[in-house]
Structures are given as C-alpha cells and as structure tokens.
Amino acid sequence: MSEKKIKFEFEKENKNSIRYKEVTENEMPPIIGSIYVQKWYANNSKNIEITISKKD
C-alpha cells in the first residue's frame, strides 16, 4: 500500500463550498487537481491536506 499526502491552497469561494487547488512538488503534474470542500467543514481554512492511498 502506498500513501501520498497532497497539499491544497485556497482558490475560490462559491455559495456553499470552497475550491482548493493542488500545490505540486518539483514541477510534477497534479495528482488530483482542484477539489471542492463544503463551507461548513472548511470554515476559513486557506490550506488543507489530504492523504490518498493506493490499495493494490
């Protein structure tokens, strides 16, 4: 199993959600790209981190 922590930074605020864009490392292409997180959870967070696992 392989795990990767992916960092995101604030990009845009919508009516009910906040869009975050992936912060890439060493000029690598993005793994996920942009994600939307509901405002009730994100609150005023400008940066978030997600852990993704491959289950092969």
C-alpha atoms as a PDB file:
ATOM      1  CA  MET A   1       0.000   0.000   0.000  1.00  0.00           C
ATOM      2  CA  SER A   2       1.312   3.426  -0.965  1.00  0.00           C
ATOM      3  CA  GLU A   3       0.211   6.689   0.682  1.00  0.00           C
ATOM      4  CA  LYS A   4       0.708  10.245  -0.521  1.00  0.00           C
ATOM      5  CA  LYS A   5      -0.125  13.484   1.296  1.00  0.00           C
ATOM      6  CA  ILE A   6      -1.373  16.158  -1.080  1.00  0.00           C
ATOM      7  CA  LYS A   7      -1.476  19.828  -0.110  1.00  0.00           C
ATOM      8  CA  PHE A   8      -4.104  22.260  -1.360  1.00  0.00           C
ATOM      9  CA  GLU A   9      -4.439  26.041  -1.116  1.00  0.00           C
ATOM     10  CA  PHE A  10      -7.469  28.317  -1.309  1.00  0.00           C
ATOM     11  CA  GLU A  11      -8.513  29.179  -4.850  1.00  0.00           C
ATOM     12  CA  LYS A  12     -12.120  30.413  -4.881  1.00  0.00           C
ATOM     13  CA  GLU A  13     -15.181  30.690  -2.652  1.00  0.00           C
ATOM     14  CA  ASN A  14     -18.588  29.636  -4.000  1.00  0.00           C
ATOM     15  CA  LYS A  15     -22.063  29.789  -2.475  1.00  0.00           C
ATOM     16  CA  ASN A  16     -21.822  26.595  -0.391  1.00  0.00           C
ATOM     17  CA  SER A  17     -18.271  25.398  -0.978  1.00  0.00           C
ATOM     18  CA  ILE A  18     -14.645  26.429  -1.281  1.00  0.00           C
ATOM     19  CA  ARG A  19     -12.430  25.370  -4.168  1.00  0.00           C
ATOM     20  CA  TYR A  20      -8.835  24.438  -3.394  1.00  0.00           C
ATOM     21  CA  LYS A  21      -6.066  23.896  -5.942  1.00  0.00           C
ATOM     22  CA  GLU A  22      -3.328  21.337  -5.524  1.00  0.00           C
ATOM     23  CA  VAL A  23       0.174  22.544  -4.653  1.00  0.00           C
ATOM     24  CA  THR A  24       2.552  20.461  -6.767  1.00  0.00           C
ATOM     25  CA  GLU A  25       6.100  19.483  -5.866  1.00  0.00           C
ATOM     26  CA  ASN A  26       9.174  19.722  -8.086  1.00  0.00           C
ATOM     27  CA  GLU A  27       7.127  20.747 -11.143  1.00  0.00           C
ATOM     28  CA  MET A  28       5.316  17.392 -11.192  1.00  0.00           C
ATOM     29  CA  PRO A  29       1.840  17.270 -12.746  1.00  0.00           C
ATOM     30  CA  PRO A  30      -1.089  17.398 -10.297  1.00  0.00           C
ATOM     31  CA  ILE A  31      -2.422  14.116  -8.929  1.00  0.00           C
ATOM     32  CA  ILE A  32      -5.949  15.383  -8.168  1.00  0.00           C
ATOM     33  CA  GLY A  33      -6.091  18.986  -9.410  1.00  0.00           C
ATOM     34  CA  SER A  34      -8.819  21.043  -7.752  1.00  0.00           C
ATOM     35  CA  ILE A  35     -11.294  19.911  -5.114  1.00  0.00           C
ATOM     36  CA  TYR A  36     -14.422  21.399  -3.560  1.00  0.00           C
ATOM     37  CA  VAL A  37     -14.959  21.284   0.204  1.00  0.00           C
ATOM     38  CA  GLN A  38     -18.220  22.292   1.844  1.00  0.00           C
ATOM     39  CA  LYS A  39     -18.065  25.564   3.787  1.00  0.00           C
ATOM     40  CA  TRP A  40     -19.485  24.025   6.972  1.00  0.00           C
ATOM     41  CA  TYR A  41     -16.336  21.863   7.156  1.00  0.00           C
ATOM     42  CA  ALA A  42     -13.677  24.104   5.632  1.00  0.00           C
ATOM     43  CA  ASN A  43     -14.601  27.207   7.660  1.00  0.00           C
ATOM     44  CA  ASN A  44     -11.885  29.775   6.935  1.00  0.00           C
ATOM     45  CA  SER A  45      -9.050  27.354   6.162  1.00  0.00           C
ATOM     46  CA  LYS A  46      -6.687  28.657   3.494  1.00  0.00           C
ATOM     47  CA  ASN A  47      -4.706  25.404   3.296  1.00  0.00           C
ATOM     48  CA  ILE A  48      -5.760  21.776   3.605  1.00  0.00           C
ATOM     49  CA  GLU A  49      -4.041  18.414   3.253  1.00  0.00           C
ATOM     50  CA  ILE A  50      -5.474  15.115   2.008  1.00  0.00           C
ATOM     51  CA  THR A  51      -3.917  11.655   2.263  1.00  0.00           C
ATOM     52  CA  ILE A  52      -4.573   9.311  -0.654  1.00  0.00           C
ATOM     53  CA  SER A  53      -3.826   5.580  -0.591  1.00  0.00           C
ATOM     54  CA  LYS A  54      -3.379   3.038  -3.391  1.00  0.00           C
ATOM     55  CA  LYS A  55      -4.814  -0.327  -2.303  1.00  0.00           C
ATOM     56  CA  ASP A  56      -3.054  -2.622  -4.796  1.00  0.00           C
END
